[in-house]
Protein backbone atom coordinates (compact mmCIF):
# COMPACT_ATOMS: atom_id res chain seq x y z
CA MET A 1 104.30 73.74 134.00
CA ALA A 2 103.23 76.81 135.93
CA GLN A 3 104.84 78.78 138.75
CA ALA A 4 103.17 80.92 141.42
CA LEU A 5 104.63 82.42 144.62
CA GLY A 6 107.76 80.39 143.93
CA GLY A 7 105.97 77.00 143.99
CA GLU A 8 105.61 74.55 141.15
CA VAL A 9 102.49 73.05 139.54
CA VAL A 10 102.68 70.26 136.97
CA SER A 11 100.28 68.27 134.84
CA PHE A 12 99.63 65.04 136.73
CA GLU A 13 99.13 61.62 135.20
CA ARG A 14 96.66 60.53 137.89
CA LYS A 15 93.78 62.93 137.39
CA GLU A 16 90.85 63.31 139.78
CA PHE A 17 87.33 63.97 138.46
CA GLY A 18 84.43 63.36 140.81
CA PRO A 19 84.23 62.11 144.40
CA ALA A 20 87.40 61.82 146.47
CA ALA A 21 88.35 61.25 150.11
CA VAL A 22 90.43 63.92 151.85
CA SER A 23 92.41 63.38 155.05
CA VAL A 24 92.79 66.55 157.13
CA THR A 25 96.31 66.90 158.53
CA GLU A 26 95.86 70.34 160.12
CA PRO A 27 92.47 70.69 161.87
CA ASP A 28 92.64 74.45 162.41
CA GLY A 29 91.80 77.18 159.89
CA LEU A 30 89.65 75.92 157.03
CA PHE A 31 88.88 72.63 158.74
CA ALA A 32 88.18 73.90 162.25
CA GLY A 33 85.47 71.83 163.92
CA LEU A 34 85.30 69.28 161.07
CA GLU A 35 86.04 65.57 160.93
CA SER A 36 89.52 64.39 159.93
CA GLU A 37 88.12 62.50 156.91
CA GLN A 38 86.09 64.44 154.36
CA SER A 39 84.22 63.50 151.19
CA VAL A 40 84.88 66.11 148.51
CA TRP A 41 84.40 66.74 144.77
CA MET A 42 87.56 66.99 142.69
CA SER A 43 88.05 68.27 139.15
CA HIS A 44 91.68 68.60 138.16
CA GLY A 45 94.52 67.19 136.12
CA ASP A 46 97.28 69.22 137.80
CA SER A 47 99.14 68.78 141.07
CA ILE A 48 101.56 70.77 143.22
CA ARG A 49 105.06 69.34 143.01
CA ARG A 50 106.70 71.93 145.26
CA LEU A 51 105.02 74.26 147.74
CA PRO A 52 105.93 77.94 147.90
CA ASP A 53 108.03 79.01 150.87
CA GLY A 54 105.93 79.48 153.98
CA PHE A 55 103.13 77.12 152.92
CA GLY A 56 102.31 73.80 154.52
CA SER A 57 99.93 71.01 153.66
CA THR A 58 96.67 70.90 155.65
CA ALA A 59 94.89 68.05 153.81
CA ARG A 60 95.79 65.24 151.43
CA THR A 61 94.28 62.54 149.21
CA ASP A 62 95.73 59.28 147.94
CA SER A 63 96.73 61.13 144.77
CA THR A 64 98.22 64.31 146.22
CA PRO A 65 99.76 65.41 149.51
CA TYR A 66 98.53 68.95 148.81
CA ALA A 67 94.73 68.78 148.63
CA ALA A 68 94.74 71.86 150.88
CA VAL A 69 97.58 74.22 151.80
CA ALA A 70 97.98 77.29 154.00
CA ASP A 71 100.35 80.05 155.00
CA PRO A 72 98.48 81.50 158.03
CA SER A 73 101.11 84.18 158.64
CA ARG A 74 100.17 85.80 155.32
CA GLY A 75 96.49 84.83 155.48
CA MET A 76 96.76 82.69 152.36
CA TYR A 77 94.85 79.43 151.90
CA GLY A 78 94.31 77.11 148.98
CA ILE A 79 92.29 73.98 148.22
CA GLN A 80 92.24 71.65 145.22
CA PHE A 81 88.64 70.48 145.58
CA HIS A 82 85.28 72.26 145.16
CA PRO A 83 83.75 73.33 148.51
CA GLU A 84 80.87 75.19 146.87
CA VAL A 85 79.06 72.15 145.48
CA VAL A 86 76.54 69.82 147.08
CA HIS A 87 78.86 66.87 146.47
CA THR A 88 81.27 68.24 149.08
CA PRO A 89 78.94 67.71 152.07
CA ARG A 90 80.88 69.92 154.51
CA GLY A 91 81.79 72.49 151.90
CA ARG A 92 79.60 75.19 153.40
CA GLU A 93 81.37 74.83 156.75
CA ILE A 94 84.76 75.09 155.01
CA LEU A 95 83.66 78.26 153.22
CA ARG A 96 82.19 79.64 156.45
CA ASN A 97 85.46 78.96 158.29
CA PHE A 98 87.29 80.98 155.66
CA VAL A 99 84.84 83.84 155.15
CA VAL A 100 83.80 84.32 158.77
CA GLY A 101 86.54 82.70 160.86
CA ILE A 102 89.62 83.67 158.83
CA ALA A 103 88.59 86.71 156.75
CA GLY A 104 86.33 88.12 159.50
CA ALA A 105 83.43 88.99 157.18
CA ARG A 106 80.02 89.78 158.68
CA GLN A 107 77.06 87.60 157.75
CA THR A 108 74.63 90.25 156.54
CA TRP A 109 73.41 88.81 153.20
CA THR A 110 69.75 87.87 153.13
CA ALA A 111 67.31 87.60 150.25
CA ALA A 112 65.37 90.56 151.66
CA ASN A 113 68.51 92.72 151.92
CA PHE A 114 69.53 91.74 148.40
CA ILE A 115 66.12 92.70 147.01
CA SER A 116 66.14 96.05 148.79
CA SER A 117 69.64 97.06 147.69
CA THR A 118 69.24 95.70 144.14
CA VAL A 119 65.91 97.42 143.51
CA GLU A 120 67.36 100.69 144.78
CA GLU A 121 70.47 100.33 142.61
CA ILE A 122 68.43 99.56 139.47
CA ARG A 123 66.11 102.50 140.13
CA ARG A 124 69.08 104.84 140.75
CA ARG A 125 70.89 103.72 137.61
CA VAL A 126 67.85 103.99 135.34
CA ASP A 127 66.76 107.36 136.76
CA GLU A 128 70.28 108.78 136.50
CA HIS A 129 70.53 107.72 132.86
CA SER A 130 67.07 109.14 132.19
CA ARG A 131 68.01 112.55 133.62
CA ARG A 132 71.31 112.63 131.78
CA SER A 133 69.98 111.52 128.40
CA GLY A 134 66.54 113.09 128.53
CA THR A 135 64.86 109.75 127.81
CA ASP A 136 62.15 107.90 129.75
CA GLY A 137 64.61 105.24 130.94
CA ARG A 138 62.61 102.36 129.52
CA VAL A 139 63.74 98.79 130.06
CA LEU A 140 63.34 95.67 127.94
CA CYS A 141 63.60 92.27 129.64
CA ALA A 142 64.53 89.05 127.91
CA LEU A 143 61.96 86.66 129.36
CA SER A 144 62.78 83.01 128.75
CA GLY A 145 60.28 81.42 131.11
CA GLY A 146 62.89 80.10 133.54
CA VAL A 147 63.30 81.16 137.16
CA ASP A 148 66.33 83.36 136.40
CA SER A 149 64.63 85.70 133.94
CA ALA A 150 61.44 85.62 136.03
CA VAL A 151 63.28 86.81 139.15
CA ALA A 152 65.26 89.40 137.18
CA ALA A 153 62.06 90.74 135.59
CA THR A 154 60.29 90.99 138.96
CA LEU A 155 63.22 92.87 140.51
CA VAL A 156 63.30 95.35 137.63
CA HIS A 157 59.51 95.72 137.70
CA ARG A 158 59.72 96.69 141.38
CA ALA A 159 62.35 99.27 140.51
CA VAL A 160 60.86 100.92 137.40
CA GLY A 161 57.25 99.75 137.19
CA ASP A 162 55.55 100.33 133.84
CA ARG A 163 58.80 101.43 132.24
CA LEU A 164 59.59 97.70 131.95
CA THR A 165 58.38 95.67 128.98
CA CYS A 166 59.12 91.94 128.96
CA VAL A 167 59.72 90.34 125.60
CA HIS A 168 59.51 86.61 125.13
CA VAL A 169 61.00 85.39 121.89
CA ASP A 170 59.28 82.24 120.73
CA HIS A 171 62.20 80.83 118.79
CA GLY A 172 60.51 77.49 118.25
CA LEU A 173 63.05 75.82 120.54
CA MET A 174 60.87 75.76 123.66
CA ARG A 175 59.38 72.77 125.43
CA LYS A 176 55.79 71.79 124.74
CA ASN A 177 53.21 74.50 125.61
CA GLU A 178 55.79 76.67 127.43
CA THR A 179 55.18 79.92 125.59
CA ALA A 180 51.45 79.92 126.38
CA LEU A 181 52.04 79.01 130.03
CA LEU A 182 54.67 81.74 130.40
CA GLN A 183 52.44 84.44 128.94
CA THR A 184 49.58 83.54 131.28
CA ALA A 185 51.79 83.45 134.38
CA PHE A 186 53.30 86.90 133.85
CA GLU A 187 50.06 88.54 132.88
CA GLN A 188 48.72 87.34 136.25
CA LEU A 189 51.69 89.03 137.93
CA GLY A 190 50.78 92.32 136.27
CA VAL A 191 53.92 92.45 134.12
CA LYS A 192 53.57 93.63 130.53
CA VAL A 193 54.66 90.83 128.15
CA VAL A 194 55.12 90.90 124.38
CA VAL A 195 55.46 87.53 122.62
CA VAL A 196 57.42 87.61 119.36
CA ASP A 197 56.93 84.73 116.94
CA ALA A 198 60.44 84.22 115.52
CA ARG A 199 60.28 80.48 114.89
CA GLN A 200 60.97 80.58 111.16
CA ARG A 201 63.73 83.15 111.61
CA PHE A 202 65.68 80.98 114.04
CA LEU A 203 65.21 77.83 111.98
CA ARG A 204 66.59 79.59 108.91
CA ALA A 205 69.59 80.85 110.87
CA LEU A 206 70.30 77.37 112.26
CA ALA A 207 69.83 75.51 108.97
CA GLY A 208 72.78 73.21 108.30
CA VAL A 209 74.57 74.14 111.54
CA ILE A 210 75.86 71.22 113.61
CA ASP A 211 78.65 72.78 115.73
CA PRO A 212 77.28 73.47 119.24
CA GLU A 213 79.29 76.65 119.80
CA GLN A 214 78.10 78.05 116.49
CA LYS A 215 74.51 77.19 117.46
CA ARG A 216 74.90 79.12 120.72
CA ARG A 217 76.45 82.14 119.01
CA ILE A 218 73.74 82.23 116.33
CA ILE A 219 70.96 81.99 118.91
CA GLY A 220 72.54 84.68 121.11
CA ALA A 221 72.99 87.06 118.20
CA GLU A 222 69.47 86.44 116.85
CA PHE A 223 68.01 87.06 120.31
CA ILE A 224 69.61 90.48 120.48
CA ARG A 225 68.58 91.40 116.93
CA VAL A 226 64.98 90.48 117.70
CA PHE A 227 65.09 92.60 120.84
CA GLU A 228 66.52 95.54 118.93
CA GLU A 229 63.78 95.28 116.32
CA GLU A 230 61.10 94.97 119.00
CA ALA A 231 62.60 97.94 120.85
CA ALA A 232 62.38 100.02 117.67
CA ARG A 233 58.67 99.20 117.45
CA LEU A 234 58.14 100.01 121.14
CA GLY A 235 59.99 103.31 121.00
CA GLU A 236 63.15 104.46 122.76
CA ILE A 237 64.57 101.63 124.92
CA ASP A 238 67.70 102.24 126.99
CA PHE A 239 68.30 99.04 128.94
CA LEU A 240 68.18 95.28 128.41
CA THR A 241 67.60 93.03 131.44
CA GLN A 242 68.88 89.45 131.45
CA GLY A 243 68.81 86.66 134.00
CA THR A 244 72.52 85.93 133.78
CA LEU A 245 73.87 83.92 136.74
CA TYR A 246 77.42 83.55 138.01
CA PRO A 247 77.84 79.99 136.64
CA ASP A 248 77.02 81.41 133.17
CA VAL A 249 79.78 83.97 133.62
CA ILE A 250 82.31 81.42 134.86
CA GLU A 251 81.70 78.89 132.10
CA SER A 252 81.71 81.52 129.35
CA ALA A 253 84.86 83.17 130.81
CA THR A 254 84.58 86.23 128.57
CA SER A 255 86.05 89.04 130.64
CA ALA A 256 89.51 89.68 132.03
CA ARG A 257 88.08 89.31 135.51
CA GLU A 258 87.11 85.69 134.80
CA LYS A 259 90.14 84.66 132.72
CA ALA A 260 91.23 82.20 135.43
CA ALA A 261 88.38 79.98 134.27
CA ALA A 262 88.45 78.05 131.02
CA LYS A 263 85.60 78.65 128.57
CA ILE A 264 83.49 75.51 128.81
CA LYS A 265 80.74 76.72 126.50
CA THR A 266 79.31 80.03 125.35
CA HIS A 267 76.14 80.90 127.20
CA HIS A 268 73.85 82.74 124.81
CA ASN A 269 73.38 85.64 127.25
CA VAL A 270 77.10 86.08 127.94
CA GLY A 271 79.47 85.12 125.13
CA GLY A 272 76.71 85.20 122.51
CA LEU A 273 76.14 88.96 122.77
CA PRO A 274 77.26 90.95 119.72
CA ASP A 275 79.99 93.58 120.06
CA ASP A 276 77.71 96.34 118.77
CA LEU A 277 74.99 95.83 121.38
CA ARG A 278 73.22 99.18 121.69
CA PHE A 279 71.47 98.52 125.02
CA LYS A 280 72.93 99.06 128.45
CA LEU A 281 72.72 95.78 130.34
CA ILE A 282 70.96 95.21 133.67
CA GLU A 283 71.95 91.85 135.12
CA PRO A 284 70.82 91.87 138.76
CA LEU A 285 71.61 88.17 139.32
CA ARG A 286 75.05 88.13 137.71
CA TYR A 287 76.87 87.16 140.92
CA LEU A 288 74.29 84.76 142.36
CA PHE A 289 73.98 80.99 142.19
CA LYS A 290 70.73 79.20 141.47
CA ASP A 291 69.86 78.44 145.12
CA GLU A 292 70.26 82.13 145.95
CA VAL A 293 68.08 83.12 142.99
CA ARG A 294 65.36 80.77 144.20
CA ALA A 295 65.55 82.27 147.70
CA VAL A 296 65.14 85.74 146.18
CA GLY A 297 62.21 84.54 144.05
CA THR A 298 60.45 83.12 147.09
CA GLU A 299 61.03 86.37 149.00
CA LEU A 300 59.58 88.29 146.04
CA GLY A 301 56.39 86.20 146.30
CA LEU A 302 56.74 84.32 143.01
CA PRO A 303 54.79 81.03 142.90
CA ASP A 304 56.60 77.76 143.64
CA SER A 305 55.71 76.48 140.17
CA MET A 306 57.98 79.18 138.77
CA VAL A 307 60.66 79.41 141.47
CA LEU A 308 61.21 75.67 141.82
CA ARG A 309 60.99 74.66 138.17
CA GLN A 310 63.97 72.87 136.72
CA PRO A 311 66.46 75.02 134.77
CA PHE A 312 66.03 75.23 131.02
CA PRO A 313 68.82 76.55 128.77
CA GLY A 314 68.34 79.76 126.82
CA PRO A 315 69.23 78.08 123.50
CA GLY A 316 66.44 75.62 124.32
CA LEU A 317 66.06 72.35 122.47
CA ALA A 318 68.66 73.38 119.88
CA ILE A 319 71.45 72.19 122.18
CA ARG A 320 69.56 69.00 123.03
CA ILE A 321 69.46 68.03 119.37
CA ILE A 322 72.87 66.69 118.43
CA GLY A 323 73.39 67.78 114.85
CA GLU A 324 71.16 69.90 112.64
CA VAL A 325 68.01 71.48 114.04
CA THR A 326 64.94 70.90 111.88
CA VAL A 327 61.19 71.10 112.44
CA GLU A 328 60.87 67.32 112.32
CA ARG A 329 63.68 66.74 114.82
CA LEU A 330 62.30 69.44 117.13
CA ASP A 331 58.87 67.79 117.11
CA THR A 332 60.41 64.41 117.92
CA LEU A 333 62.45 65.76 120.82
CA ARG A 334 59.62 67.91 122.16
CA GLU A 335 57.32 64.92 122.49
CA ALA A 336 60.01 62.74 124.08
CA ASP A 337 60.95 65.50 126.51
CA TRP A 338 57.30 65.95 127.53
CA ILE A 339 57.14 62.28 128.48
CA VAL A 340 60.33 62.50 130.56
CA ILE A 341 59.01 65.43 132.61
CA ASP A 342 55.55 63.89 132.93
CA GLU A 343 56.92 60.64 134.35
CA ILE A 344 59.42 62.40 136.65
CA LYS A 345 56.57 64.49 138.07
CA SER A 346 54.26 61.46 138.38
CA ALA A 347 56.94 59.67 140.39
CA GLY A 348 57.24 62.65 142.78
CA LEU A 349 60.87 63.23 141.78
CA TYR A 350 60.66 66.58 139.98
CA ARG A 351 61.88 68.74 142.86
CA SER A 352 64.58 66.33 144.02
CA VAL A 353 66.20 66.24 140.56
CA TRP A 354 68.11 69.31 139.34
CA GLN A 355 67.34 68.72 135.67
CA SER A 356 65.70 65.94 133.70
CA PHE A 357 65.26 65.96 129.94
CA ALA A 358 65.59 64.11 126.65
CA ILE A 359 68.32 64.44 124.02
CA LEU A 360 67.87 63.54 120.37
CA THR A 361 71.09 61.87 119.25
CA PRO A 362 72.39 61.70 115.67
CA VAL A 363 72.41 57.90 116.00
CA ARG A 364 69.93 55.57 114.35
CA SER A 365 69.64 51.95 115.35
CA VAL A 366 67.94 48.77 114.19
CA GLY A 367 64.81 47.73 116.04
CA VAL A 368 61.75 45.59 115.63
CA MET A 369 58.16 46.78 115.92
CA GLY A 370 55.09 44.75 114.96
CA ASP A 371 57.29 41.93 113.62
CA GLY A 372 58.90 44.40 111.24
CA ARG A 373 62.40 45.85 111.07
CA THR A 374 62.88 49.50 111.98
CA TYR A 375 65.86 51.81 111.61
CA ALA A 376 65.05 54.80 113.80
CA ASN A 377 66.29 57.46 116.22
CA VAL A 378 68.01 56.90 119.55
CA VAL A 379 66.83 59.18 122.37
CA ALA A 380 69.01 59.68 125.44
CA ILE A 381 67.65 60.59 128.86
CA ARG A 382 69.59 62.89 131.20
CA ALA A 383 68.70 63.41 134.88
CA VAL A 384 71.13 64.94 137.37
CA THR A 385 71.33 66.04 140.97
CA SER A 386 73.09 69.31 141.74
CA GLU A 387 72.86 72.52 143.74
CA ASP A 388 74.29 75.14 141.42
CA ALA A 389 75.09 73.35 138.12
CA MET A 390 78.82 73.89 138.58
CA THR A 391 79.04 70.18 139.35
CA ALA A 392 76.41 67.47 139.04
CA ASP A 393 75.95 63.74 139.53
CA TRP A 394 73.66 61.48 137.52
CA ALA A 395 70.38 60.80 139.28
CA LYS A 396 69.79 57.24 140.42
CA LEU A 397 66.25 57.09 139.09
CA PRO A 398 64.24 53.98 140.01
CA TYR A 399 64.29 51.31 137.30
CA GLU A 400 60.51 51.33 137.07
CA VAL A 401 60.53 55.08 136.29
CA LEU A 402 63.17 54.61 133.59
CA GLY A 403 61.16 51.69 132.24
CA ARG A 404 57.97 53.73 131.96
CA ILE A 405 59.82 56.59 130.25
CA SER A 406 61.39 54.23 127.72
CA SER A 407 58.17 52.36 127.02
CA ARG A 408 56.16 55.53 126.49
CA ILE A 409 58.75 57.18 124.23
CA VAL A 410 59.13 54.22 121.85
CA ASN A 411 55.36 53.70 121.75
CA GLU A 412 54.19 57.34 121.59
CA VAL A 413 56.92 59.18 119.67
CA PRO A 414 57.12 58.32 115.96
CA GLY A 415 60.59 57.58 114.64
CA VAL A 416 62.18 56.46 117.93
CA ASN A 417 62.96 52.82 118.67
CA ARG A 418 65.63 52.98 121.38
CA VAL A 419 66.13 54.89 124.66
CA VAL A 420 69.41 55.08 126.62
CA TYR A 421 70.25 56.67 130.01
CA ASP A 422 73.22 58.98 130.57
CA ILE A 423 75.19 58.04 133.72
CA SER A 424 77.94 60.67 133.41
CA SER A 425 78.73 63.17 136.16
CA LYS A 426 79.86 66.78 135.74
CA PRO A 427 82.84 66.76 135.50
CA PRO A 428 83.96 65.21 133.24
CA ALA A 429 80.73 65.66 131.23
CA THR A 430 78.59 68.80 131.23
CA ILE A 431 74.89 68.67 132.10
CA GLU A 432 73.80 69.60 128.60
CA TRP A 433 75.18 67.52 125.75
CA GLU A 434 76.08 70.64 123.73
């Protein structure tokens, strides 16, 4: 039981995870100009039993009379559902009603304004440190190949130019051919890139590890150690740039400022950082969501192939292998994953799906191939629709696409005889399996 402002919140037997219907009982304030019935996305197991003095209900569901509450005299408003996700169709209007209509904020944020102010702030910070410390103010960027690190690197490059060196750690956990494609793309952009072959190092560190949180911590710590070693070879490095986004911060919940959020999983670039990190961090995207990052990337002139690519986790295939990470299991997953992406692209679905990938499960099952019995791996397929990864729904892929993916994997990937499709939403599941 929890108390706040004199009200009472209790754990509720009838939990709500996923889509819900909200009936608006007070059409002013948050719901001004909106229909009386709203589709929303819920994620809670608690409910208000008693409202604080001065508050009234403004929306309800079948499960709770307090899906939204307000005390306009004190300018206080609360909602139980998620307005920020694509699965609440009128969520943007609800947020706009609050930010603009109630709070009176001015709508001045644009990708161009963000770029201008962020580049200036990075340049000011690096130059100030350089003058104070007597160093060159050199910056190292952790370049994963995803849109987040690409946008972060481009912003920093605009701010400090040749003082930036991008380092891509090939930890052996990447998708097929990604390291070579990444190196070519950034060299064409005129950004200096160093590729570090650390495949054996990461495999040794992950040997025998099956706990997903431990995997993430190991990968995060090894990343930083590699950067520190590379920095020592490059000379004096003062700053480390990362493509951390706000969802990473929320789900890792590592600082006092974010303690209201539960730690869902440790993101390697947030909770995985060691306490004795010797770099100063530059995280220009720390308070942006993915759609905002893509808008900034487009404004920066990055190619669509980079800006619109599906997200890929920093720990890579290690958290898509359930259980121990080995060379053999990586090779199996890498080939299966390549087929998933190839078929999604061939079907023209790549840009309409938030993420699509394969997972190598720890399950083996009986099958039959060439009139003989097999006992082989089970591969799971995950494809979701989302806008910011805070919530997601499973993608309703056409049966013929799923059929082609399954047929190709069992015929082309040695050691796999069964393919299953994940139809779980987030919540209650996460997008990644680990």
